[in-house]
Every structure is written in structure tokens, then in C-alpha cells.
Amino acid sequence: MALGLAAIVALSSRYAAADPIAFAPVTTATPPPEPVPLLAYVLGAIGLSGISVGATTGFLALNQKSIVEDHCSPTLRRCDETGRQATLTGRTLRDVSTAGWIVGGIGIGLGAYLWLSPATSRSAVAVAVSADGASREAVFVAHF
């Protein structure tokens, strides 16, 4: 019986040495996970917020315009106090609406660019907004 067992061990070791690929462990290379485009999501959220501010204040400005039309005379170019207040409020809302639409368009545009561009072609992105307190000027600088 010992001779038979020795023959089986010799045969199995001979086949194991002849075919080492059959006994190699199978490893699969997993690619590294894609980086999450966090800046794209942040800019997209800022863009959506800007568009919602622009749309809301735009509708409010249209409401003020209808008040102005009710309380002001286009031929005499005179308004009562309600018409004057509606004119001032409407102008402010109009400006805020325009700024909201601009911020929304830039935010969604930059977010879409960063989200859709391949990860290998991305470079450093710098966005800076500067406003001078003494004047009504704002500067927007973007480097790609």
C-alpha cells in the first residue's frame, strides 16, 4: 500500500512541476477609481443657485413693473409715492436678477466643462471675483 501511495505522490508532483500556470493564483488588476469632480459639482450648484436667484428676482421685478404702470402716467411722466417706490425696488431687483443670471451661467458653464472634460486634460483652475467697495465695478478672472 505504501508503494502505491508513493507512486501517486510522484505522479502528482511531476504534473505540478510541468504545468505551473494551473496552480498560479488568479489576480485581476482593478483600475483606480475615478476621482470625484467635486469642483464641478460645487460650481454647478452655485450656477443653479444663481439661476434661481435670477429667475425669482426677475419675476419680482416684473411685478414691480406692473405696479409702476398702475401708479405712473407715461404721458405726464409723473408718479405717486407708490409708483416711485416700485420704480426704485424694480431697478434693484432688475440688477440683482441680471447678476444672478450671469453667476448662474458662469457656474453652470464651468461646472459642465469640468464635469465633461477628461480627467487627464484637467489643469489647475482658479476663479477670483474682486469688487472694489468705492466703485460699482466688479472684476471676474478665470484661469484654465
N, C-alpha and C. Protein backbone atom coordinates (compact mmCIF):
# COMPACT_ATOMS: atom_id res chain seq x y z
N MET A 1 0.81 -1.17 0.00
CA MET A 1 0.00 0.00 0.00
C MET A 1 0.86 1.25 0.00
N ALA A 2 1.99 1.25 0.68
CA ALA A 2 2.88 2.38 0.74
C ALA A 2 3.48 2.66 -0.62
N LEU A 3 3.74 1.60 -1.41
CA LEU A 3 4.30 1.79 -2.74
C LEU A 3 3.29 2.47 -3.65
N GLY A 4 2.05 2.13 -3.55
CA GLY A 4 1.01 2.76 -4.36
C GLY A 4 0.83 4.23 -4.02
N LEU A 5 0.90 4.55 -2.73
CA LEU A 5 0.78 5.94 -2.32
C LEU A 5 1.97 6.76 -2.78
N ALA A 6 3.15 6.21 -2.76
CA ALA A 6 4.35 6.90 -3.23
C ALA A 6 4.27 7.15 -4.72
N ALA A 7 3.70 6.24 -5.47
CA ALA A 7 3.57 6.41 -6.92
C ALA A 7 2.59 7.53 -7.24
N ILE A 8 1.52 7.65 -6.48
CA ILE A 8 0.54 8.71 -6.73
C ILE A 8 1.15 10.07 -6.39
N VAL A 9 1.93 10.16 -5.31
CA VAL A 9 2.57 11.43 -4.94
C VAL A 9 3.59 11.82 -6.00
N ALA A 10 4.34 10.83 -6.53
CA ALA A 10 5.34 11.12 -7.55
C ALA A 10 4.66 11.60 -8.82
N LEU A 11 3.55 10.98 -9.20
CA LEU A 11 2.84 11.39 -10.40
C LEU A 11 2.26 12.79 -10.24
N SER A 12 1.69 13.09 -9.09
CA SER A 12 1.08 14.39 -8.90
C SER A 12 2.14 15.48 -8.85
N SER A 13 3.31 15.20 -8.27
CA SER A 13 4.35 16.21 -8.22
C SER A 13 4.96 16.41 -9.60
N ARG A 14 5.00 15.37 -10.45
CA ARG A 14 5.53 15.51 -11.80
C ARG A 14 4.62 16.40 -12.63
N TYR A 15 3.30 16.26 -12.50
CA TYR A 15 2.38 17.10 -13.26
C TYR A 15 2.34 18.55 -12.72
N ALA A 16 2.53 18.67 -11.43
CA ALA A 16 2.53 20.01 -10.85
C ALA A 16 3.75 20.80 -11.33
N ALA A 17 4.90 20.14 -11.47
CA ALA A 17 6.10 20.83 -11.91
C ALA A 17 6.02 21.15 -13.40
N ALA A 18 5.34 20.31 -14.18
CA ALA A 18 5.28 20.51 -15.62
C ALA A 18 4.33 21.65 -15.99
N ASP A 19 3.32 21.89 -15.20
CA ASP A 19 2.31 22.91 -15.56
C ASP A 19 2.14 23.88 -14.38
N PRO A 20 3.05 24.87 -14.22
CA PRO A 20 2.92 25.77 -13.08
C PRO A 20 1.80 26.79 -13.23
N ILE A 21 1.31 27.04 -14.45
CA ILE A 21 0.26 28.02 -14.66
C ILE A 21 -1.05 27.55 -14.05
N ALA A 22 -1.29 26.27 -14.02
CA ALA A 22 -2.53 25.75 -13.47
C ALA A 22 -2.65 26.04 -11.98
N PHE A 23 -1.53 26.21 -11.29
CA PHE A 23 -1.57 26.41 -9.86
C PHE A 23 -1.33 27.87 -9.46
N ALA A 24 -1.14 28.75 -10.43
CA ALA A 24 -0.90 30.16 -10.11
C ALA A 24 -2.21 30.81 -9.67
N PRO A 25 -2.17 31.66 -8.67
CA PRO A 25 -3.40 32.33 -8.23
C PRO A 25 -3.83 33.36 -9.28
N VAL A 26 -5.10 33.47 -9.43
CA VAL A 26 -5.67 34.41 -10.40
C VAL A 26 -5.81 35.77 -9.73
N THR A 27 -5.16 36.77 -10.33
CA THR A 27 -5.28 38.14 -9.81
C THR A 27 -5.82 39.02 -10.93
N THR A 28 -6.74 39.87 -10.57
CA THR A 28 -7.28 40.81 -11.55
C THR A 28 -6.87 42.21 -11.11
N ALA A 29 -6.40 42.97 -12.05
CA ALA A 29 -5.98 44.34 -11.76
C ALA A 29 -7.21 45.25 -11.82
N THR A 30 -7.53 45.87 -10.72
CA THR A 30 -8.66 46.79 -10.71
C THR A 30 -8.13 48.19 -10.99
N PRO A 31 -8.77 48.88 -11.91
CA PRO A 31 -8.31 50.24 -12.20
C PRO A 31 -8.60 51.15 -11.01
N PRO A 32 -7.79 52.18 -10.87
CA PRO A 32 -8.05 53.09 -9.75
C PRO A 32 -9.38 53.80 -9.94
N PRO A 33 -10.08 54.10 -8.87
CA PRO A 33 -11.39 54.75 -9.02
C PRO A 33 -11.24 56.14 -9.61
N GLU A 34 -12.24 56.53 -10.38
CA GLU A 34 -12.26 57.87 -10.97
C GLU A 34 -12.37 58.90 -9.86
N PRO A 35 -11.60 59.97 -9.95
CA PRO A 35 -11.76 61.00 -8.92
C PRO A 35 -13.10 61.71 -9.09
N VAL A 36 -13.70 62.02 -7.98
CA VAL A 36 -14.99 62.71 -8.00
C VAL A 36 -14.74 64.17 -8.37
N PRO A 37 -15.42 64.66 -9.40
CA PRO A 37 -15.21 66.06 -9.79
C PRO A 37 -15.94 67.01 -8.85
N LEU A 38 -15.41 67.15 -7.65
CA LEU A 38 -16.07 67.92 -6.61
C LEU A 38 -16.23 69.39 -7.01
N LEU A 39 -15.21 69.97 -7.62
CA LEU A 39 -15.30 71.36 -8.04
C LEU A 39 -16.39 71.55 -9.08
N ALA A 40 -16.58 70.56 -9.94
CA ALA A 40 -17.64 70.65 -10.94
C ALA A 40 -19.01 70.66 -10.28
N TYR A 41 -19.20 69.84 -9.26
CA TYR A 41 -20.47 69.83 -8.56
C TYR A 41 -20.71 71.13 -7.80
N VAL A 42 -19.65 71.66 -7.18
CA VAL A 42 -19.79 72.91 -6.43
C VAL A 42 -20.14 74.06 -7.38
N LEU A 43 -19.43 74.15 -8.50
CA LEU A 43 -19.72 75.21 -9.46
C LEU A 43 -21.11 75.04 -10.07
N GLY A 44 -21.52 73.80 -10.32
CA GLY A 44 -22.87 73.57 -10.83
C GLY A 44 -23.94 73.99 -9.83
N ALA A 45 -23.70 73.71 -8.55
CA ALA A 45 -24.66 74.12 -7.53
C ALA A 45 -24.73 75.64 -7.41
N ILE A 46 -23.57 76.28 -7.49
CA ILE A 46 -23.56 77.75 -7.47
C ILE A 46 -24.30 78.29 -8.69
N GLY A 47 -24.10 77.65 -9.84
CA GLY A 47 -24.80 78.07 -11.05
C GLY A 47 -26.30 77.92 -10.94
N LEU A 48 -26.75 76.80 -10.40
CA LEU A 48 -28.19 76.60 -10.23
C LEU A 48 -28.77 77.59 -9.23
N SER A 49 -28.02 77.90 -8.19
CA SER A 49 -28.48 78.90 -7.23
C SER A 49 -28.57 80.27 -7.88
N GLY A 50 -27.58 80.60 -8.70
CA GLY A 50 -27.61 81.89 -9.39
C GLY A 50 -28.79 82.01 -10.33
N ILE A 51 -29.09 80.93 -11.03
CA ILE A 51 -30.24 80.96 -11.95
C ILE A 51 -31.55 81.08 -11.17
N SER A 52 -31.64 80.40 -10.04
CA SER A 52 -32.88 80.52 -9.25
C SER A 52 -33.03 81.92 -8.67
N VAL A 53 -31.92 82.53 -8.25
CA VAL A 53 -31.99 83.92 -7.76
C VAL A 53 -32.38 84.85 -8.91
N GLY A 54 -31.78 84.64 -10.08
CA GLY A 54 -32.09 85.48 -11.24
C GLY A 54 -33.54 85.36 -11.67
N ALA A 55 -34.07 84.15 -11.67
CA ALA A 55 -35.46 83.96 -12.08
C ALA A 55 -36.42 84.54 -11.05
N THR A 56 -36.15 84.31 -9.79
CA THR A 56 -37.05 84.81 -8.75
C THR A 56 -37.08 86.33 -8.73
N THR A 57 -35.91 86.96 -8.72
CA THR A 57 -35.88 88.42 -8.69
C THR A 57 -36.38 89.01 -10.01
N GLY A 58 -36.24 88.28 -11.10
CA GLY A 58 -36.81 88.75 -12.37
C GLY A 58 -38.33 88.80 -12.33
N PHE A 59 -38.93 87.76 -11.77
CA PHE A 59 -40.39 87.77 -11.63
C PHE A 59 -40.86 88.86 -10.67
N LEU A 60 -40.10 89.08 -9.60
CA LEU A 60 -40.45 90.16 -8.67
C LEU A 60 -40.31 91.53 -9.33
N ALA A 61 -39.31 91.69 -10.19
CA ALA A 61 -39.14 92.95 -10.92
C ALA A 61 -40.30 93.18 -11.88
N LEU A 62 -40.79 92.12 -12.50
CA LEU A 62 -41.96 92.26 -13.39
C LEU A 62 -43.20 92.67 -12.59
N ASN A 63 -43.31 92.16 -11.37
CA ASN A 63 -44.43 92.57 -10.51
C ASN A 63 -44.33 94.06 -10.18
N GLN A 64 -43.13 94.53 -9.89
CA GLN A 64 -42.94 95.96 -9.61
C GLN A 64 -43.23 96.81 -10.85
N LYS A 65 -42.93 96.27 -12.02
CA LYS A 65 -43.22 96.99 -13.26
C LYS A 65 -44.72 97.20 -13.42
N SER A 66 -45.51 96.19 -13.09
CA SER A 66 -46.96 96.35 -13.21
C SER A 66 -47.49 97.37 -12.19
N ILE A 67 -46.86 97.44 -11.03
CA ILE A 67 -47.25 98.46 -10.05
C ILE A 67 -46.92 99.85 -10.58
N VAL A 68 -45.75 99.99 -11.21
CA VAL A 68 -45.35 101.27 -11.79
C VAL A 68 -46.34 101.68 -12.89
N GLU A 69 -46.75 100.73 -13.70
CA GLU A 69 -47.69 101.05 -14.78
C GLU A 69 -49.04 101.50 -14.21
N ASP A 70 -49.42 100.98 -13.06
CA ASP A 70 -50.69 101.39 -12.44
C ASP A 70 -50.60 102.75 -11.75
N HIS A 71 -49.43 103.13 -11.24
CA HIS A 71 -49.31 104.34 -10.42
C HIS A 71 -48.54 105.47 -11.10
N CYS A 72 -48.14 105.29 -12.34
CA CYS A 72 -47.40 106.34 -13.04
C CYS A 72 -48.09 106.66 -14.35
N SER A 73 -47.98 107.89 -14.78
CA SER A 73 -48.56 108.33 -16.04
C SER A 73 -47.45 108.44 -17.08
N PRO A 74 -47.51 107.65 -18.16
CA PRO A 74 -46.43 107.73 -19.16
C PRO A 74 -46.45 109.06 -19.93
N THR A 75 -47.61 109.71 -20.07
CA THR A 75 -47.66 110.97 -20.82
C THR A 75 -47.15 112.13 -19.98
N LEU A 76 -47.49 112.16 -18.70
CA LEU A 76 -47.04 113.25 -17.83
C LEU A 76 -45.69 112.97 -17.18
N ARG A 77 -45.28 111.72 -17.23
CA ARG A 77 -44.03 111.27 -16.62
C ARG A 77 -43.99 111.62 -15.14
N ARG A 78 -45.11 111.37 -14.47
CA ARG A 78 -45.21 111.62 -13.04
C ARG A 78 -45.73 110.36 -12.36
N CYS A 79 -45.26 110.18 -11.12
CA CYS A 79 -45.67 109.01 -10.33
C CYS A 79 -46.07 109.46 -8.94
N ASP A 80 -46.95 108.68 -8.33
CA ASP A 80 -47.22 108.93 -6.92
C ASP A 80 -46.16 108.20 -6.09
N GLU A 81 -46.28 108.24 -4.78
CA GLU A 81 -45.25 107.66 -3.91
C GLU A 81 -45.12 106.15 -4.11
N THR A 82 -46.22 105.47 -4.29
CA THR A 82 -46.18 104.01 -4.53
C THR A 82 -45.46 103.70 -5.82
N GLY A 83 -45.71 104.49 -6.85
CA GLY A 83 -45.03 104.30 -8.13
C GLY A 83 -43.53 104.55 -8.04
N ARG A 84 -43.13 105.58 -7.28
CA ARG A 84 -41.71 105.86 -7.10
C ARG A 84 -41.01 104.73 -6.36
N GLN A 85 -41.63 104.24 -5.29
CA GLN A 85 -41.04 103.13 -4.54
C GLN A 85 -40.94 101.87 -5.41
N ALA A 86 -41.98 101.64 -6.21
CA ALA A 86 -41.96 100.46 -7.09
C ALA A 86 -40.88 100.61 -8.15
N THR A 87 -40.64 101.83 -8.62
CA THR A 87 -39.57 102.06 -9.60
C THR A 87 -38.21 101.76 -9.01
N LEU A 88 -37.95 102.26 -7.80
CA LEU A 88 -36.66 102.01 -7.15
C LEU A 88 -36.47 100.53 -6.83
N THR A 89 -37.51 99.91 -6.31
CA THR A 89 -37.43 98.48 -5.99
C THR A 89 -37.26 97.65 -7.25
N GLY A 90 -37.97 98.01 -8.30
CA GLY A 90 -37.86 97.28 -9.57
C GLY A 90 -36.48 97.37 -10.18
N ARG A 91 -35.86 98.55 -10.09
CA ARG A 91 -34.50 98.70 -10.62
C ARG A 91 -33.50 97.85 -9.84
N THR A 92 -33.65 97.83 -8.53
CA THR A 92 -32.76 97.00 -7.71
C THR A 92 -32.95 95.52 -8.03
N LEU A 93 -34.20 95.10 -8.12
CA LEU A 93 -34.48 93.69 -8.44
C LEU A 93 -33.99 93.34 -9.83
N ARG A 94 -34.10 94.26 -10.76
CA ARG A 94 -33.60 94.03 -12.12
C ARG A 94 -32.09 93.79 -12.10
N ASP A 95 -31.36 94.60 -11.34
CA ASP A 95 -29.90 94.44 -11.27
C ASP A 95 -29.50 93.13 -10.60
N VAL A 96 -30.20 92.78 -9.53
CA VAL A 96 -29.92 91.52 -8.84
C VAL A 96 -30.25 90.34 -9.76
N SER A 97 -31.32 90.45 -10.51
CA SER A 97 -31.69 89.38 -11.44
C SER A 97 -30.62 89.20 -12.51
N THR A 98 -30.13 90.30 -13.05
CA THR A 98 -29.08 90.21 -14.07
C THR A 98 -27.83 89.56 -13.51
N ALA A 99 -27.43 89.98 -12.31
CA ALA A 99 -26.25 89.39 -11.68
C ALA A 99 -26.46 87.90 -11.40
N GLY A 100 -27.66 87.53 -10.98
CA GLY A 100 -27.95 86.12 -10.73
C GLY A 100 -27.85 85.28 -11.99
N TRP A 101 -28.38 85.79 -13.09
CA TRP A 101 -28.29 85.06 -14.36
C TRP A 101 -26.84 84.93 -14.82
N ILE A 102 -26.04 85.97 -14.62
CA ILE A 102 -24.63 85.91 -15.03
C ILE A 102 -23.88 84.89 -14.19
N VAL A 103 -24.05 84.95 -12.88
CA VAL A 103 -23.40 83.98 -11.99
C VAL A 103 -23.87 82.57 -12.31
N GLY A 104 -25.16 82.41 -12.58
CA GLY A 104 -25.70 81.09 -12.91
C GLY A 104 -25.12 80.54 -14.20
N GLY A 105 -25.02 81.39 -15.21
CA GLY A 105 -24.46 80.92 -16.49
C GLY A 105 -23.00 80.55 -16.37
N ILE A 106 -22.24 81.37 -15.66
CA ILE A 106 -20.81 81.07 -15.49
C ILE A 106 -20.63 79.81 -14.65
N GLY A 107 -21.39 79.68 -13.57
CA GLY A 107 -21.26 78.50 -12.71
C GLY A 107 -21.63 77.21 -13.42
N ILE A 108 -22.72 77.22 -14.14
CA ILE A 108 -23.13 76.00 -14.86
C ILE A 108 -22.16 75.71 -16.00
N GLY A 109 -21.70 76.75 -16.68
CA GLY A 109 -20.75 76.54 -17.77
C GLY A 109 -19.44 75.95 -17.29
N LEU A 110 -18.87 76.51 -16.22
CA LEU A 110 -17.62 75.98 -15.69
C LEU A 110 -17.82 74.59 -15.10
N GLY A 111 -18.94 74.38 -14.40
CA GLY A 111 -19.21 73.06 -13.85
C GLY A 111 -19.36 72.00 -14.92
N ALA A 112 -20.06 72.34 -16.00
CA ALA A 112 -20.21 71.38 -17.10
C ALA A 112 -18.88 71.11 -17.78
N TYR A 113 -18.07 72.15 -17.94
CA TYR A 113 -16.75 71.95 -18.56
C TYR A 113 -15.90 71.00 -17.72
N LEU A 114 -15.86 71.24 -16.40
CA LEU A 114 -15.05 70.38 -15.54
C LEU A 114 -15.61 68.98 -15.43
N TRP A 115 -16.91 68.84 -15.49
CA TRP A 115 -17.52 67.51 -15.37
C TRP A 115 -17.36 66.70 -16.64
N LEU A 116 -17.44 67.37 -17.79
CA LEU A 116 -17.38 66.65 -19.07
C LEU A 116 -15.97 66.46 -19.60
N SER A 117 -15.02 67.25 -19.15
CA SER A 117 -13.66 67.11 -19.67
C SER A 117 -13.00 65.90 -19.03
N PRO A 118 -12.13 65.22 -19.80
CA PRO A 118 -11.46 64.05 -19.24
C PRO A 118 -10.53 64.45 -18.10
N ALA A 119 -10.30 63.51 -17.19
CA ALA A 119 -9.50 63.80 -16.00
C ALA A 119 -8.05 64.10 -16.35
N THR A 120 -7.54 63.52 -17.43
CA THR A 120 -6.14 63.72 -17.77
C THR A 120 -5.87 65.10 -18.33
N SER A 121 -6.87 65.73 -18.94
CA SER A 121 -6.63 67.03 -19.53
C SER A 121 -6.95 68.18 -18.59
N ARG A 122 -7.35 67.87 -17.38
CA ARG A 122 -7.67 68.93 -16.44
C ARG A 122 -6.40 69.59 -15.94
N SER A 123 -6.45 70.87 -15.86
CA SER A 123 -5.36 71.62 -15.28
C SER A 123 -5.90 72.39 -14.08
N ALA A 124 -5.04 73.12 -13.45
CA ALA A 124 -5.47 73.89 -12.29
C ALA A 124 -6.44 74.98 -12.73
N VAL A 125 -7.49 75.14 -11.99
CA VAL A 125 -8.50 76.15 -12.30
C VAL A 125 -8.52 77.14 -11.15
N ALA A 126 -8.43 78.41 -11.48
CA ALA A 126 -8.50 79.45 -10.47
C ALA A 126 -9.59 80.42 -10.86
N VAL A 127 -10.48 80.71 -9.95
CA VAL A 127 -11.55 81.66 -10.18
C VAL A 127 -11.48 82.70 -9.08
N ALA A 128 -11.48 83.96 -9.47
CA ALA A 128 -11.41 85.03 -8.48
C ALA A 128 -12.41 86.11 -8.85
N VAL A 129 -13.10 86.60 -7.87
CA VAL A 129 -14.02 87.71 -8.06
C VAL A 129 -13.56 88.83 -7.14
N SER A 130 -13.38 90.01 -7.71
CA SER A 130 -12.91 91.14 -6.93
C SER A 130 -13.86 92.30 -7.11
N ALA A 131 -14.28 92.89 -6.03
CA ALA A 131 -15.17 94.05 -6.09
C ALA A 131 -14.55 95.17 -5.27
N ASP A 132 -14.50 96.34 -5.86
CA ASP A 132 -13.98 97.50 -5.17
C ASP A 132 -15.13 98.16 -4.43
N GLY A 133 -14.97 98.42 -3.14
CA GLY A 133 -16.04 98.99 -2.35
C GLY A 133 -16.35 100.43 -2.69
N ALA A 134 -15.40 101.15 -3.30
CA ALA A 134 -15.60 102.56 -3.60
C ALA A 134 -16.36 102.78 -4.91
N SER A 135 -16.33 101.78 -5.79
CA SER A 135 -17.00 101.96 -7.08
C SER A 135 -17.96 100.81 -7.33
N ARG A 136 -18.69 100.90 -8.41
CA ARG A 136 -19.64 99.85 -8.78
C ARG A 136 -19.03 98.89 -9.78
N GLU A 137 -17.77 98.57 -9.61
CA GLU A 137 -17.05 97.73 -10.55
C GLU A 137 -16.77 96.38 -9.93
N ALA A 138 -16.89 95.35 -10.70
CA ALA A 138 -16.52 94.00 -10.26
C ALA A 138 -15.69 93.38 -11.36
N VAL A 139 -14.68 92.64 -10.98
CA VAL A 139 -13.79 92.00 -11.94
C VAL A 139 -13.87 90.51 -11.74
N PHE A 140 -14.01 89.77 -12.81
CA PHE A 140 -14.06 88.31 -12.77
C PHE A 140 -12.88 87.78 -13.55
N VAL A 141 -12.04 86.98 -12.93
CA VAL A 141 -10.85 86.44 -13.57
C VAL A 141 -10.91 84.93 -13.46
N ALA A 142 -10.68 84.24 -14.57
CA ALA A 142 -10.66 82.77 -14.55
C ALA A 142 -9.46 82.29 -15.34
N HIS A 143 -8.69 81.37 -14.77
CA HIS A 143 -7.54 80.78 -15.45
C HIS A 143 -7.83 79.30 -15.65
N PHE A 144 -7.60 78.83 -16.86
CA PHE A 144 -7.82 77.41 -17.17
C PHE A 144 -6.53 76.78 -17.60
